Protein backbone atom coordinates (compact mmCIF):
# COMPACT_ATOMS: atom_id res chain seq x y z
CA MET A 1 145.61 180.55 160.06
CA THR A 2 144.76 183.78 161.82
CA GLU A 3 147.12 185.88 163.89
CA THR A 4 145.39 184.75 167.08
CA GLN A 5 145.79 181.10 166.14
CA LYS A 6 149.44 181.64 165.30
CA ALA A 7 150.06 183.45 168.58
CA THR A 8 148.34 180.64 170.48
CA GLU A 9 150.40 178.01 168.67
CA ILE A 10 153.58 179.96 169.43
CA GLU A 11 152.67 180.02 173.12
CA GLN A 12 151.98 176.28 173.05
CA LEU A 13 155.29 175.63 171.33
CA ASP A 14 157.07 177.75 173.94
CA ALA A 15 155.54 175.65 176.70
CA GLU A 16 156.43 172.39 174.94
CA ILE A 17 159.99 173.58 174.32
CA GLN A 18 160.40 174.52 177.96
CA GLU A 19 159.07 171.14 179.12
CA LEU A 20 161.33 169.24 176.73
CA GLU A 21 164.38 171.29 177.67
CA THR A 22 163.67 170.63 181.34
CA GLU A 23 163.31 166.93 180.62
CA ALA A 24 166.53 166.90 178.59
CA ALA A 25 168.49 168.85 181.20
CA ALA A 26 167.49 166.73 184.16
CA PRO A 27 166.28 163.29 183.17
CA PRO A 28 164.84 161.50 186.16
CA ASP A 29 167.18 158.98 187.73
CA LEU A 30 165.57 155.66 188.35
CA SER A 31 165.97 153.81 191.59
CA TRP A 32 166.79 150.12 191.62
CA ASP A 33 163.20 149.28 192.52
CA GLU A 34 161.88 151.31 189.58
CA ILE A 35 164.32 149.65 187.20
CA VAL A 36 163.32 146.20 188.38
CA GLU A 37 159.62 147.01 188.01
CA LEU A 38 160.01 148.34 184.46
CA SER A 39 160.14 146.01 181.52
CA ALA A 40 163.04 146.02 179.11
CA GLU A 41 160.72 147.61 176.57
CA ASP A 42 159.89 150.49 178.92
CA LEU A 43 163.56 151.08 179.67
CA THR A 44 164.35 151.02 175.94
CA GLN A 45 161.59 153.55 175.24
CA ARG A 46 162.94 155.87 177.93
CA GLU A 47 166.43 155.72 176.48
CA GLN A 48 165.17 156.26 172.94
CA ARG A 49 163.22 159.30 174.09
CA LYS A 50 166.36 160.75 175.65
CA GLY A 51 168.07 160.29 172.30
CA VAL A 52 165.45 162.23 170.33
CA LEU A 53 164.71 165.02 172.80
CA ASP A 54 167.15 167.40 171.12
CA LYS A 55 165.59 166.78 167.72
CA MET A 56 162.11 167.30 169.15
CA ILE A 57 163.22 170.59 170.72
CA GLN A 58 164.84 171.78 167.47
CA ALA A 59 161.75 170.88 165.44
CA ARG A 60 159.50 172.88 167.75
CA LYS A 61 161.89 175.83 167.73
CA ALA A 62 161.94 175.75 163.92
CA ARG A 63 158.13 175.70 163.76
CA LYS A 64 157.97 178.58 166.24
CA LEU A 65 160.37 180.63 164.11
CA GLU A 66 158.31 179.90 160.99
CA LEU A 67 155.16 181.13 162.71
CA GLU A 68 156.90 184.24 164.04
CA ALA A 69 158.23 184.99 160.54
CA GLN A 70 154.73 184.62 159.09
CA LEU A 71 153.34 187.01 161.70
CA LEU A 72 156.06 189.55 160.96
CA ARG A 73 155.43 189.28 157.21
CA GLU A 74 151.73 189.88 157.78
CA GLU A 75 152.47 192.88 159.99
CA ALA A 76 154.89 194.26 157.39
CA GLU A 77 152.29 193.87 154.63
CA ALA A 78 149.68 195.64 156.73
CA ALA A 79 152.13 198.44 157.52
CA ARG A 80 153.11 198.73 153.85
CA ASP A 81 149.45 198.96 152.82
CA GLU A 82 148.81 201.65 155.42
CA THR A 83 151.92 203.54 154.33
CA GLU A 84 150.84 203.40 150.68
CA LYS A 85 147.39 204.74 151.56
CA THR A 86 148.92 207.53 153.61
CA TYR A 87 151.35 208.36 150.82
CA GLU A 88 148.54 208.48 148.25
CA ALA A 89 146.61 210.87 150.48
CA PHE A 90 149.76 212.96 150.90
CA GLN A 91 150.29 213.10 147.14
CA THR A 92 146.71 214.23 146.62
CA GLN A 93 147.09 216.99 149.16
CA ASP A 94 150.51 217.94 147.78
CA GLU A 95 149.07 218.23 144.26
CA LYS A 96 146.30 220.48 145.58
CA LEU A 97 148.88 222.62 147.33
CA GLN A 98 151.03 222.87 144.21
CA ARG A 99 148.02 223.92 142.12
CA GLN A 100 147.14 226.63 144.66
CA LYS A 101 150.64 228.05 144.56
């Protein structure tokens, strides 16, 4: 998965987390008419969803942290590679300087 794909997935997870947190914080109250119109199965599904919202939020947050950690590892590797190249160039120049002295 590329950095762009990871960043896009992180953004999508952020949006999903925000939606789920909003839903968990303020579940819609049903009016009597809405309750009467809904079947017992629909009401049961709504209640079950309320029960798993926190787990859904935590799972998405965990995935987001995994992706962020992967991105940071990749950035660290790239920085380490660049640092090693720079250090090798420095050593070469330092050796030349030492020989000239």
